[in-house]
Amino acid sequence: MYKLYYATGSASMGVRVVLEEIGVPYELLESTIDRSLPRPKGQLAVNPNGWVPVLLWDEGAMYEAAAITVFLCDRHPEAGLAPAMDAPERALYLQTLVYFSNTVQTAYQQTYYPDRFVDDPADEPKAVQRGARRLRESWQVVEDQIGDGDWVLGARFSAADIYLYMLTTWLSAEKGHPELREFPNVARIAGAVAERESVREVYGA
C-alpha cells in the first residue's frame, strides 16, 4: 500500500488522482500548506522542506509531484498513464511534466509565496506582479504546444493531462492571474479531465 502525505489545494491532489487512476490501495496522511502550522514528523523526515506531496511505500519514499508522477506511472504501466520508454511521445511527456513543475509551478509560487523570491517585504508586490506575467507567458507556451491535439500528448490521455488540470485549479483572479478562457486549448483539456471519475473523487467536481 502507498501512503501519501496530503493537503487540500496542494500538488498532492494531482498525485492522488494518479493513484485513483492506477487503482491501487493508498492511505492519505493529513498535512497542511499553512506555513504557520507544524508538519508531520514523518513528512519532514523525507522532505525537510516541509512540502507535500510525499509518497511512502514499502521499499522507500520520495517527494516532488512530477517525480512521483513519473515513478507511479512507470511502476504501473498497466494503467496506461505514460508512454513507454521507447515510445515517440515519451520525450514530450517528460519535457511537459518538468516544464509544469519547474516553470509553471514556479510562477504560481512567485504569486502565492513572494517572500521566497525577494529579501525586502516591500518588494513582494512586484514579485507577485512579475509572477502573474510569467504565468501568462508559461501557459501560452502550453497552449501553443497543445494546438489541435485532443490531449497534451496529442491523441492519447496521460498523466500530463492530470497535471495540467491540477495547475489550472490554482488560477486566482485575486492574484492577478490570467483567466483560463484565455487559453482555449488548455481549457478544453482541463474540462475533459474534470469529467473523469478519478478527478471527481479527489476534487469533488
N, C-alpha and C. Protein backbone atom coordinates (compact mmCIF):
# COMPACT_ATOMS: atom_id res chain seq x y z
N MET A 1 0.84 -1.20 0.00
CA MET A 1 0.00 0.00 0.00
C MET A 1 0.87 1.25 0.00
N TYR A 2 0.46 2.23 -0.78
CA TYR A 2 1.12 3.53 -0.76
C TYR A 2 0.53 4.39 0.36
N LYS A 3 1.36 5.29 0.86
CA LYS A 3 0.89 6.31 1.79
C LYS A 3 1.28 7.67 1.22
N LEU A 4 0.35 8.60 1.28
CA LEU A 4 0.58 9.91 0.67
C LEU A 4 0.32 11.01 1.67
N TYR A 5 1.38 11.78 1.99
CA TYR A 5 1.18 13.00 2.78
C TYR A 5 0.47 13.99 1.88
N TYR A 6 -0.64 14.51 2.38
CA TYR A 6 -1.63 15.15 1.52
C TYR A 6 -2.19 16.39 2.17
N ALA A 7 -2.47 17.42 1.35
CA ALA A 7 -3.14 18.62 1.83
C ALA A 7 -4.01 19.16 0.70
N THR A 8 -5.23 19.52 1.02
CA THR A 8 -6.14 20.09 0.03
C THR A 8 -5.55 21.38 -0.54
N GLY A 9 -5.66 21.52 -1.86
CA GLY A 9 -5.16 22.72 -2.53
C GLY A 9 -3.71 22.61 -2.97
N SER A 10 -3.07 21.50 -2.65
CA SER A 10 -1.65 21.35 -2.99
C SER A 10 -1.47 20.41 -4.17
N ALA A 11 -0.21 20.25 -4.59
CA ALA A 11 0.10 19.35 -5.69
C ALA A 11 -0.15 17.89 -5.33
N SER A 12 -0.34 17.60 -4.06
CA SER A 12 -0.65 16.23 -3.67
C SER A 12 -1.99 15.78 -4.23
N MET A 13 -2.86 16.71 -4.59
CA MET A 13 -4.15 16.34 -5.17
C MET A 13 -3.96 15.69 -6.53
N GLY A 14 -3.03 16.20 -7.32
CA GLY A 14 -2.74 15.60 -8.61
C GLY A 14 -2.20 14.19 -8.47
N VAL A 15 -1.31 13.99 -7.50
CA VAL A 15 -0.76 12.66 -7.26
C VAL A 15 -1.87 11.71 -6.81
N ARG A 16 -2.78 12.21 -5.99
CA ARG A 16 -3.89 11.37 -5.56
C ARG A 16 -4.75 10.94 -6.75
N VAL A 17 -4.97 11.83 -7.71
CA VAL A 17 -5.73 11.47 -8.91
C VAL A 17 -5.00 10.35 -9.66
N VAL A 18 -3.68 10.45 -9.77
CA VAL A 18 -2.91 9.40 -10.42
C VAL A 18 -3.11 8.06 -9.70
N LEU A 19 -3.08 8.07 -8.38
CA LEU A 19 -3.30 6.85 -7.61
C LEU A 19 -4.70 6.29 -7.86
N GLU A 20 -5.68 7.18 -7.96
CA GLU A 20 -7.05 6.74 -8.26
C GLU A 20 -7.12 6.11 -9.65
N GLU A 21 -6.45 6.71 -10.61
CA GLU A 21 -6.45 6.18 -11.97
C GLU A 21 -5.78 4.81 -12.02
N ILE A 22 -4.70 4.65 -11.28
CA ILE A 22 -3.99 3.37 -11.25
C ILE A 22 -4.84 2.31 -10.58
N GLY A 23 -5.59 2.71 -9.56
CA GLY A 23 -6.49 1.78 -8.89
C GLY A 23 -5.83 0.92 -7.84
N VAL A 24 -4.78 1.44 -7.21
CA VAL A 24 -4.10 0.70 -6.15
C VAL A 24 -4.51 1.23 -4.78
N PRO A 25 -4.41 0.40 -3.73
CA PRO A 25 -4.73 0.89 -2.39
C PRO A 25 -3.75 1.97 -1.95
N TYR A 26 -4.26 2.98 -1.27
CA TYR A 26 -3.39 4.00 -0.71
C TYR A 26 -4.05 4.61 0.52
N GLU A 27 -3.22 5.18 1.36
CA GLU A 27 -3.68 5.83 2.58
C GLU A 27 -3.25 7.29 2.56
N LEU A 28 -4.18 8.18 2.90
CA LEU A 28 -3.85 9.60 2.99
C LEU A 28 -3.38 9.93 4.39
N LEU A 29 -2.26 10.64 4.48
CA LEU A 29 -1.73 11.13 5.75
C LEU A 29 -1.88 12.65 5.72
N GLU A 30 -2.74 13.17 6.57
CA GLU A 30 -3.08 14.59 6.52
C GLU A 30 -1.88 15.47 6.86
N SER A 31 -1.70 16.51 6.05
CA SER A 31 -0.68 17.53 6.30
C SER A 31 -1.33 18.89 6.05
N THR A 32 -0.51 19.89 5.79
CA THR A 32 -1.04 21.24 5.59
C THR A 32 -0.11 22.05 4.71
N ILE A 33 -0.67 23.06 4.04
CA ILE A 33 0.15 24.02 3.32
C ILE A 33 0.22 25.34 4.08
N ASP A 34 -0.37 25.37 5.26
CA ASP A 34 -0.32 26.55 6.12
C ASP A 34 1.04 26.59 6.80
N ARG A 35 1.87 27.54 6.43
CA ARG A 35 3.24 27.57 6.93
C ARG A 35 3.33 27.94 8.41
N SER A 36 2.22 28.38 9.00
CA SER A 36 2.22 28.69 10.42
C SER A 36 1.97 27.46 11.28
N LEU A 37 1.63 26.34 10.64
CA LEU A 37 1.31 25.12 11.36
C LEU A 37 2.44 24.11 11.20
N PRO A 38 2.64 23.26 12.22
CA PRO A 38 3.70 22.25 12.11
C PRO A 38 3.35 21.16 11.10
N ARG A 39 4.39 20.60 10.50
CA ARG A 39 4.22 19.48 9.59
C ARG A 39 4.44 18.17 10.34
N PRO A 40 3.84 17.08 9.86
CA PRO A 40 4.08 15.77 10.48
C PRO A 40 5.56 15.40 10.43
N LYS A 41 6.04 14.77 11.50
CA LYS A 41 7.46 14.41 11.57
C LYS A 41 7.85 13.45 10.45
N GLY A 42 6.95 12.52 10.14
CA GLY A 42 7.25 11.57 9.08
C GLY A 42 7.43 12.23 7.74
N GLN A 43 6.66 13.27 7.47
CA GLN A 43 6.79 14.03 6.23
C GLN A 43 8.12 14.75 6.18
N LEU A 44 8.49 15.40 7.27
CA LEU A 44 9.74 16.15 7.33
C LEU A 44 10.96 15.25 7.24
N ALA A 45 10.81 14.00 7.69
CA ALA A 45 11.93 13.06 7.62
C ALA A 45 12.30 12.76 6.17
N VAL A 46 11.30 12.82 5.27
CA VAL A 46 11.55 12.57 3.85
C VAL A 46 11.86 13.87 3.12
N ASN A 47 11.05 14.89 3.39
CA ASN A 47 11.22 16.18 2.72
C ASN A 47 11.38 17.28 3.77
N PRO A 48 12.60 17.64 4.09
CA PRO A 48 12.83 18.67 5.11
C PRO A 48 12.32 20.04 4.71
N ASN A 49 11.98 20.23 3.44
CA ASN A 49 11.38 21.50 3.01
C ASN A 49 9.99 21.68 3.57
N GLY A 50 9.35 20.59 3.97
CA GLY A 50 8.03 20.68 4.56
C GLY A 50 6.89 20.71 3.56
N TRP A 51 7.17 20.40 2.29
CA TRP A 51 6.13 20.48 1.26
C TRP A 51 5.51 19.12 1.02
N VAL A 52 4.30 19.14 0.50
CA VAL A 52 3.65 17.94 0.00
C VAL A 52 3.56 18.06 -1.52
N PRO A 53 3.48 16.92 -2.21
CA PRO A 53 3.27 15.56 -1.71
C PRO A 53 4.57 14.87 -1.28
N VAL A 54 4.39 13.91 -0.38
CA VAL A 54 5.43 12.94 -0.04
C VAL A 54 4.79 11.57 -0.15
N LEU A 55 5.41 10.69 -0.91
CA LEU A 55 4.88 9.35 -1.14
C LEU A 55 5.75 8.33 -0.41
N LEU A 56 5.09 7.41 0.31
CA LEU A 56 5.78 6.33 1.00
C LEU A 56 5.30 4.99 0.44
N TRP A 57 6.18 4.03 0.38
CA TRP A 57 5.82 2.66 0.04
C TRP A 57 6.80 1.75 0.75
N ASP A 58 6.60 0.46 0.66
CA ASP A 58 7.38 -0.48 1.47
C ASP A 58 8.88 -0.33 1.28
N GLU A 59 9.28 -0.06 0.03
CA GLU A 59 10.71 -0.03 -0.27
C GLU A 59 11.34 1.35 -0.14
N GLY A 60 10.55 2.40 0.08
CA GLY A 60 11.18 3.71 0.14
C GLY A 60 10.20 4.85 0.24
N ALA A 61 10.70 6.04 -0.11
CA ALA A 61 9.91 7.27 -0.01
C ALA A 61 10.50 8.30 -0.96
N MET A 62 9.68 9.26 -1.37
CA MET A 62 10.16 10.31 -2.26
C MET A 62 9.23 11.51 -2.19
N TYR A 63 9.72 12.65 -2.70
CA TYR A 63 8.89 13.83 -2.83
C TYR A 63 9.10 14.45 -4.20
N GLU A 64 8.39 15.55 -4.48
CA GLU A 64 8.29 16.25 -5.76
C GLU A 64 7.21 15.61 -6.62
N ALA A 65 6.16 16.38 -6.91
CA ALA A 65 4.98 15.86 -7.59
C ALA A 65 5.29 15.28 -8.97
N ALA A 66 6.10 15.97 -9.75
CA ALA A 66 6.41 15.47 -11.09
C ALA A 66 7.19 14.17 -11.02
N ALA A 67 8.13 14.09 -10.10
CA ALA A 67 8.93 12.87 -9.95
C ALA A 67 8.05 11.71 -9.49
N ILE A 68 7.16 11.98 -8.54
CA ILE A 68 6.24 10.94 -8.07
C ILE A 68 5.33 10.47 -9.20
N THR A 69 4.88 11.40 -10.01
CA THR A 69 4.02 11.05 -11.14
C THR A 69 4.73 10.11 -12.10
N VAL A 70 5.95 10.44 -12.47
CA VAL A 70 6.73 9.58 -13.37
C VAL A 70 6.93 8.21 -12.73
N PHE A 71 7.30 8.20 -11.46
CA PHE A 71 7.56 6.95 -10.74
C PHE A 71 6.34 6.04 -10.73
N LEU A 72 5.19 6.59 -10.35
CA LEU A 72 3.98 5.79 -10.25
C LEU A 72 3.54 5.26 -11.61
N CYS A 73 3.58 6.11 -12.62
CA CYS A 73 3.13 5.69 -13.95
C CYS A 73 4.04 4.61 -14.54
N ASP A 74 5.34 4.72 -14.29
CA ASP A 74 6.26 3.70 -14.78
C ASP A 74 6.16 2.41 -13.97
N ARG A 75 5.81 2.53 -12.70
CA ARG A 75 5.67 1.35 -11.84
C ARG A 75 4.39 0.59 -12.15
N HIS A 76 3.42 1.30 -12.71
CA HIS A 76 2.13 0.67 -13.02
C HIS A 76 1.76 0.93 -14.48
N PRO A 77 2.52 0.36 -15.41
CA PRO A 77 2.28 0.63 -16.83
C PRO A 77 0.92 0.15 -17.31
N GLU A 78 0.32 -0.79 -16.58
CA GLU A 78 -0.99 -1.30 -16.98
C GLU A 78 -2.07 -0.22 -16.96
N ALA A 79 -1.82 0.88 -16.22
CA ALA A 79 -2.79 1.97 -16.16
C ALA A 79 -2.78 2.82 -17.42
N GLY A 80 -1.72 2.73 -18.20
CA GLY A 80 -1.64 3.46 -19.47
C GLY A 80 -1.55 4.96 -19.33
N LEU A 81 -0.96 5.44 -18.24
CA LEU A 81 -0.89 6.87 -17.99
C LEU A 81 0.38 7.53 -18.54
N ALA A 82 1.29 6.74 -19.06
CA ALA A 82 2.55 7.30 -19.57
C ALA A 82 3.01 6.50 -20.79
N PRO A 83 3.64 7.18 -21.73
CA PRO A 83 4.22 6.44 -22.87
C PRO A 83 5.32 5.52 -22.40
N ALA A 84 5.50 4.42 -23.09
CA ALA A 84 6.59 3.50 -22.78
C ALA A 84 7.94 4.19 -23.03
N MET A 85 8.98 3.59 -22.47
CA MET A 85 10.32 4.19 -22.56
C MET A 85 10.73 4.48 -24.00
N ASP A 86 10.35 3.61 -24.92
CA ASP A 86 10.78 3.76 -26.31
C ASP A 86 9.69 4.35 -27.20
N ALA A 87 8.61 4.85 -26.61
CA ALA A 87 7.53 5.43 -27.41
C ALA A 87 7.91 6.82 -27.91
N PRO A 88 7.45 7.20 -29.09
CA PRO A 88 7.79 8.53 -29.64
C PRO A 88 7.34 9.68 -28.74
N GLU A 89 6.24 9.48 -27.99
CA GLU A 89 5.71 10.56 -27.15
C GLU A 89 6.43 10.70 -25.81
N ARG A 90 7.34 9.77 -25.52
CA ARG A 90 7.98 9.77 -24.19
C ARG A 90 8.73 11.07 -23.92
N ALA A 91 9.44 11.57 -24.89
CA ALA A 91 10.23 12.80 -24.69
C ALA A 91 9.31 13.98 -24.37
N LEU A 92 8.23 14.12 -25.12
CA LEU A 92 7.30 15.22 -24.88
C LEU A 92 6.63 15.09 -23.52
N TYR A 93 6.31 13.87 -23.13
CA TYR A 93 5.71 13.60 -21.82
C TYR A 93 6.62 14.08 -20.69
N LEU A 94 7.88 13.67 -20.74
CA LEU A 94 8.82 14.08 -19.70
C LEU A 94 9.08 15.58 -19.74
N GLN A 95 9.26 16.11 -20.94
CA GLN A 95 9.51 17.54 -21.09
C GLN A 95 8.37 18.36 -20.49
N THR A 96 7.13 17.94 -20.75
CA THR A 96 5.97 18.70 -20.28
C THR A 96 5.85 18.64 -18.77
N LEU A 97 6.04 17.47 -18.18
CA LEU A 97 5.95 17.36 -16.72
C LEU A 97 7.00 18.23 -16.03
N VAL A 98 8.21 18.22 -16.57
CA VAL A 98 9.27 19.04 -15.97
C VAL A 98 8.97 20.53 -16.18
N TYR A 99 8.44 20.89 -17.33
CA TYR A 99 8.06 22.29 -17.58
C TYR A 99 6.96 22.72 -16.61
N PHE A 100 5.97 21.87 -16.43
CA PHE A 100 4.92 22.18 -15.46
C PHE A 100 5.52 22.43 -14.08
N SER A 101 6.43 21.54 -13.67
CA SER A 101 6.99 21.60 -12.33
C SER A 101 7.96 22.77 -12.15
N ASN A 102 8.86 22.93 -13.11
CA ASN A 102 9.93 23.92 -12.97
C ASN A 102 9.52 25.34 -13.35
N THR A 103 8.61 25.47 -14.30
CA THR A 103 8.29 26.79 -14.83
C THR A 103 6.91 27.26 -14.41
N VAL A 104 5.87 26.49 -14.72
CA VAL A 104 4.52 26.93 -14.38
C VAL A 104 4.33 26.99 -12.86
N GLN A 105 4.75 25.96 -12.16
CA GLN A 105 4.59 25.96 -10.71
C GLN A 105 5.42 27.06 -10.05
N THR A 106 6.59 27.33 -10.58
CA THR A 106 7.42 28.39 -10.02
C THR A 106 6.75 29.75 -10.17
N ALA A 107 6.08 29.96 -11.29
CA ALA A 107 5.34 31.21 -11.48
C ALA A 107 4.21 31.32 -10.46
N TYR A 108 3.52 30.23 -10.22
CA TYR A 108 2.49 30.23 -9.18
C TYR A 108 3.09 30.56 -7.82
N GLN A 109 4.20 29.91 -7.50
CA GLN A 109 4.84 30.15 -6.20
C GLN A 109 5.20 31.62 -6.01
N GLN A 110 5.62 32.25 -7.10
CA GLN A 110 6.00 33.66 -7.01
C GLN A 110 4.81 34.54 -6.62
N THR A 111 3.60 34.12 -6.99
CA THR A 111 2.42 34.91 -6.65
C THR A 111 1.84 34.52 -5.29
N TYR A 112 1.96 33.26 -4.91
CA TYR A 112 1.41 32.81 -3.63
C TYR A 112 2.41 32.96 -2.48
N TYR A 113 3.70 32.86 -2.79
CA TYR A 113 4.74 32.94 -1.76
C TYR A 113 5.83 33.91 -2.19
N PRO A 114 5.51 35.18 -2.38
CA PRO A 114 6.51 36.13 -2.91
C PRO A 114 7.71 36.32 -1.99
N ASP A 115 7.54 36.03 -0.70
CA ASP A 115 8.65 36.19 0.24
C ASP A 115 9.81 35.25 -0.07
N ARG A 116 9.55 34.19 -0.84
CA ARG A 116 10.62 33.27 -1.22
C ARG A 116 11.51 33.84 -2.31
N PHE A 117 11.07 34.93 -2.95
CA PHE A 117 11.76 35.44 -4.13
C PHE A 117 12.40 36.80 -3.91
N VAL A 118 12.10 37.48 -2.82
CA VAL A 118 12.68 38.79 -2.55
C VAL A 118 13.10 38.86 -1.08
N ASP A 119 14.09 39.70 -0.82
CA ASP A 119 14.57 39.87 0.55
C ASP A 119 13.76 40.92 1.32
N ASP A 120 13.33 41.95 0.60
CA ASP A 120 12.62 43.06 1.24
C ASP A 120 11.11 42.87 1.08
N PRO A 121 10.36 42.81 2.18
CA PRO A 121 8.90 42.67 2.08
C PRO A 121 8.25 43.74 1.20
N ALA A 122 8.87 44.90 1.13
CA ALA A 122 8.32 45.97 0.29
C ALA A 122 8.33 45.61 -1.19
N ASP A 123 9.18 44.64 -1.56
CA ASP A 123 9.28 44.24 -2.96
C ASP A 123 8.33 43.09 -3.32
N GLU A 124 7.61 42.57 -2.35
CA GLU A 124 6.75 41.41 -2.61
C GLU A 124 5.66 41.70 -3.64
N PRO A 125 5.01 42.88 -3.61
CA PRO A 125 4.00 43.14 -4.66
C PRO A 125 4.58 43.07 -6.07
N LYS A 126 5.82 43.51 -6.23
CA LYS A 126 6.46 43.42 -7.55
C LYS A 126 6.71 41.97 -7.94
N ALA A 127 7.06 41.15 -6.96
CA ALA A 127 7.27 39.74 -7.24
C ALA A 127 5.97 39.08 -7.68
N VAL A 128 4.88 39.42 -7.01
CA VAL A 128 3.58 38.88 -7.38
C VAL A 128 3.21 39.30 -8.80
N GLN A 129 3.44 40.56 -9.10
CA GLN A 129 3.11 41.08 -10.43
C GLN A 129 3.91 40.37 -11.51
N ARG A 130 5.20 40.19 -11.25
CA ARG A 130 6.05 39.51 -12.25
C ARG A 130 5.66 38.04 -12.37
N GLY A 131 5.32 37.43 -11.25
CA GLY A 131 4.90 36.03 -11.29
C GLY A 131 3.65 35.85 -12.12
N ALA A 132 2.71 36.78 -12.00
CA ALA A 132 1.47 36.70 -12.78
C ALA A 132 1.76 36.84 -14.27
N ARG A 133 2.70 37.73 -14.62
CA ARG A 133 3.07 37.86 -16.03
C ARG A 133 3.74 36.59 -16.53
N ARG A 134 4.60 36.03 -15.69
CA ARG A 134 5.29 34.80 -16.08
C ARG A 134 4.30 33.65 -16.23
N LEU A 135 3.27 33.66 -15.41
CA LEU A 135 2.25 32.63 -15.51
C LEU A 135 1.53 32.70 -16.85
N ARG A 136 1.20 33.92 -17.27
CA ARG A 136 0.55 34.08 -18.57
C ARG A 136 1.48 33.62 -19.69
N GLU A 137 2.75 33.96 -19.59
CA GLU A 137 3.72 33.56 -20.61
C GLU A 137 3.86 32.03 -20.68
N SER A 138 3.96 31.40 -19.51
CA SER A 138 4.19 29.96 -19.50
C SER A 138 2.95 29.18 -19.91
N TRP A 139 1.76 29.65 -19.54
CA TRP A 139 0.55 28.98 -20.01
C TRP A 139 0.39 29.12 -21.52
N GLN A 140 0.85 30.22 -22.08
CA GLN A 140 0.77 30.39 -23.53
C GLN A 140 1.66 29.38 -24.24
N VAL A 141 2.80 29.07 -23.65
CA VAL A 141 3.67 28.03 -24.21
C VAL A 141 2.93 26.69 -24.25
N VAL A 142 2.24 26.36 -23.16
CA VAL A 142 1.47 25.12 -23.11
C VAL A 142 0.34 25.15 -24.12
N GLU A 143 -0.35 26.27 -24.20
CA GLU A 143 -1.45 26.44 -25.16
C GLU A 143 -0.98 26.17 -26.58
N ASP A 144 0.14 26.73 -26.95
CA ASP A 144 0.67 26.56 -28.29
C ASP A 144 1.14 25.13 -28.53
N GLN A 145 1.70 24.52 -27.50
CA GLN A 145 2.16 23.14 -27.63
C GLN A 145 0.99 22.20 -27.90
N ILE A 146 -0.12 22.41 -27.23
CA ILE A 146 -1.28 21.53 -27.41
C ILE A 146 -1.84 21.64 -28.83
N GLY A 147 -1.99 22.87 -29.30
CA GLY A 147 -2.53 23.07 -30.64
C GLY A 147 -3.88 22.40 -30.80
N ASP A 148 -4.03 21.61 -31.85
CA ASP A 148 -5.28 20.92 -32.13
C ASP A 148 -5.35 19.54 -31.49
N GLY A 149 -4.37 19.19 -30.69
CA GLY A 149 -4.35 17.86 -30.09
C GLY A 149 -5.50 17.63 -29.13
N ASP A 150 -5.96 16.40 -29.06
CA ASP A 150 -7.03 16.05 -28.13
C ASP A 150 -6.55 16.17 -26.69
N TRP A 151 -5.28 15.84 -26.47
CA TRP A 151 -4.67 15.85 -25.14
C TRP A 151 -3.29 16.49 -25.22
N VAL A 152 -2.63 16.60 -24.11
CA VAL A 152 -1.30 17.22 -24.09
C VAL A 152 -0.35 16.49 -25.03
N LEU A 153 -0.44 15.16 -25.07
CA LEU A 153 0.46 14.37 -25.92
C LEU A 153 -0.12 14.10 -27.30
N GLY A 154 -1.24 14.73 -27.60
CA GLY A 154 -1.85 14.53 -28.91
C GLY A 154 -3.09 13.69 -28.82
N ALA A 155 -3.01 12.43 -29.28
CA ALA A 155 -4.19 11.57 -29.36
C ALA A 155 -4.48 10.81 -28.08
N ARG A 156 -3.48 10.68 -27.18
CA ARG A 156 -3.66 9.82 -26.02
C ARG A 156 -3.70 10.61 -24.71
N PHE A 157 -4.59 10.18 -23.82
CA PHE A 157 -4.65 10.73 -22.46
C PHE A 157 -3.45 10.23 -21.67
N SER A 158 -2.94 11.09 -20.78
CA SER A 158 -1.80 10.69 -19.95
C SER A 158 -1.83 11.46 -18.63
N ALA A 159 -0.88 11.12 -17.78
CA ALA A 159 -0.74 11.83 -16.51
C ALA A 159 -0.41 13.30 -16.71
N ALA A 160 0.12 13.66 -17.86
CA ALA A 160 0.39 15.08 -18.14
C ALA A 160 -0.91 15.88 -18.16
N ASP A 161 -1.99 15.26 -18.60
CA ASP A 161 -3.29 15.94 -18.61
C ASP A 161 -3.82 16.14 -17.19
N ILE A 162 -3.57 15.16 -16.33
CA ILE A 162 -3.94 15.30 -14.92
C ILE A 162 -3.18 16.45 -14.29
N TYR A 163 -1.89 16.51 -14.57
CA TYR A 163 -1.05 17.58 -14.02
C TYR A 163 -1.53 18.94 -14.52
N LEU A 164 -1.87 19.01 -15.81
CA LEU A 164 -2.39 20.25 -16.37
C LEU A 164 -3.65 20.69 -15.63
N TYR A 165 -4.57 19.76 -15.43
CA TYR A 165 -5.81 20.09 -14.72
C TYR A 165 -5.51 20.64 -13.33
N MET A 166 -4.65 19.95 -12.60
CA MET A 166 -4.30 20.39 -11.25
C MET A 166 -3.81 21.83 -11.26
N LEU A 167 -2.94 22.16 -12.20
CA LEU A 167 -2.38 23.51 -12.25
C LEU A 167 -3.45 24.55 -12.57
N THR A 168 -4.43 24.19 -13.38
CA THR A 168 -5.48 25.17 -13.70
C THR A 168 -6.34 25.49 -12.48
N THR A 169 -6.42 24.58 -11.54
CA THR A 169 -7.25 24.84 -10.35
C THR A 169 -6.63 25.88 -9.43
N TRP A 170 -5.38 26.22 -9.67
CA TRP A 170 -4.70 27.22 -8.83
C TRP A 170 -4.86 28.64 -9.35
N LEU A 171 -5.45 28.81 -10.51
CA LEU A 171 -5.62 30.16 -11.07
C LEU A 171 -6.50 31.00 -10.15
N SER A 172 -6.07 32.24 -9.91
CA SER A 172 -6.78 33.12 -8.98
C SER A 172 -6.79 34.55 -9.52
N ALA A 173 -7.98 35.07 -9.73
CA ALA A 173 -8.10 36.46 -10.18
C ALA A 173 -7.55 37.41 -9.14
N GLU A 174 -7.68 37.07 -7.86
CA GLU A 174 -7.18 37.93 -6.79
C GLU A 174 -5.67 38.13 -6.86
N LYS A 175 -4.98 37.14 -7.41
CA LYS A 175 -3.52 37.23 -7.54
C LYS A 175 -3.10 37.85 -8.87
N GLY A 176 -4.07 38.26 -9.67
CA GLY A 176 -3.74 38.84 -10.97
C GLY A 176 -3.43 37.81 -12.03
N HIS A 177 -3.82 36.56 -11.79
CA HIS A 177 -3.55 35.51 -12.75
C HIS A 177 -4.41 35.68 -14.00
N PRO A 178 -3.96 35.15 -15.12
CA PRO A 178 -4.80 35.16 -16.32
C PRO A 178 -6.01 34.26 -16.10
N GLU A 179 -7.06 34.48 -16.88
CA GLU A 179 -8.23 33.62 -16.81
C GLU A 179 -8.03 32.41 -17.72
N LEU A 180 -8.60 31.30 -17.32
CA LEU A 180 -8.43 30.07 -18.08
C LEU A 180 -8.93 30.21 -19.51
N ARG A 181 -9.97 31.00 -19.69
CA ARG A 181 -10.54 31.15 -21.03
C ARG A 181 -9.57 31.81 -22.01
N GLU A 182 -8.51 32.43 -21.52
CA GLU A 182 -7.50 33.00 -22.41
C GLU A 182 -6.74 31.91 -23.16
N PHE A 183 -6.84 30.68 -22.67
CA PHE A 183 -6.09 29.56 -23.26
C PHE A 183 -7.08 28.46 -23.60
N PRO A 184 -7.77 28.58 -24.73
CA PRO A 184 -8.87 27.65 -25.05
C PRO A 184 -8.44 26.20 -25.16
N ASN A 185 -7.24 25.93 -25.63
CA ASN A 185 -6.77 24.54 -25.72
C ASN A 185 -6.56 23.95 -24.33
N VAL A 186 -5.95 24.75 -23.46
CA VAL A 186 -5.77 24.31 -22.07
C VAL A 186 -7.13 24.10 -21.41
N ALA A 187 -8.04 25.04 -21.62
CA ALA A 187 -9.37 24.95 -21.00
C ALA A 187 -10.12 23.71 -21.50
N ARG A 188 -9.97 23.41 -22.78
CA ARG A 188 -10.64 22.25 -23.36
C ARG A 188 -10.18 20.96 -22.69
N ILE A 189 -8.87 20.82 -22.53
CA ILE A 189 -8.34 19.61 -21.89
C ILE A 189 -8.70 19.57 -20.42
N ALA A 190 -8.60 20.70 -19.74
CA ALA A 190 -8.96 20.74 -18.32
C ALA A 190 -10.42 20.33 -18.12
N GLY A 191 -11.29 20.79 -19.01
CA GLY A 191 -12.70 20.43 -18.91
C GLY A 191 -12.93 18.94 -19.10
N ALA A 192 -12.19 18.34 -20.03
CA ALA A 192 -12.32 16.90 -20.27
C ALA A 192 -11.80 16.09 -19.09
N VAL A 193 -10.69 16.52 -18.51
CA VAL A 193 -10.13 15.83 -17.35
C VAL A 193 -11.08 15.93 -16.16
N ALA A 194 -11.72 17.07 -16.01
CA ALA A 194 -12.63 17.29 -14.88
C ALA A 194 -13.79 16.30 -14.86
N GLU A 195 -14.09 15.70 -16.02
CA GLU A 195 -15.20 14.75 -16.11
C GLU A 195 -14.81 13.34 -15.69
N ARG A 196 -13.54 13.08 -15.50
CA ARG A 196 -13.11 11.73 -15.14
C ARG A 196 -13.50 11.40 -13.71
N GLU A 197 -13.82 10.15 -13.49
CA GLU A 197 -14.27 9.70 -12.17
C GLU A 197 -13.21 9.95 -11.10
N SER A 198 -11.95 9.73 -11.47
CA SER A 198 -10.86 9.92 -10.51
C SER A 198 -10.79 11.37 -10.03
N VAL A 199 -10.99 12.30 -10.94
CA VAL A 199 -10.92 13.72 -10.61
C VAL A 199 -12.13 14.12 -9.75
N ARG A 200 -13.28 13.58 -10.10
CA ARG A 200 -14.48 13.87 -9.30
C ARG A 200 -14.32 13.37 -7.87
N GLU A 201 -13.66 12.21 -7.73
CA GLU A 201 -13.43 11.65 -6.41
C GLU A 201 -12.53 12.54 -5.58
N VAL A 202 -11.47 13.07 -6.19
CA VAL A 202 -10.48 13.85 -5.44
C VAL A 202 -10.91 15.30 -5.27
N TYR A 203 -11.43 15.90 -6.33
CA TYR A 203 -11.75 17.33 -6.30
C TYR A 203 -13.22 17.61 -5.98
N GLY A 204 -14.03 16.57 -5.96
CA GLY A 204 -15.44 16.76 -5.67
C GLY A 204 -16.17 17.53 -6.74
N ALA A 205 -15.67 17.44 -7.99
CA ALA A 205 -16.27 18.18 -9.10
C ALA A 205 -17.61 17.56 -9.47
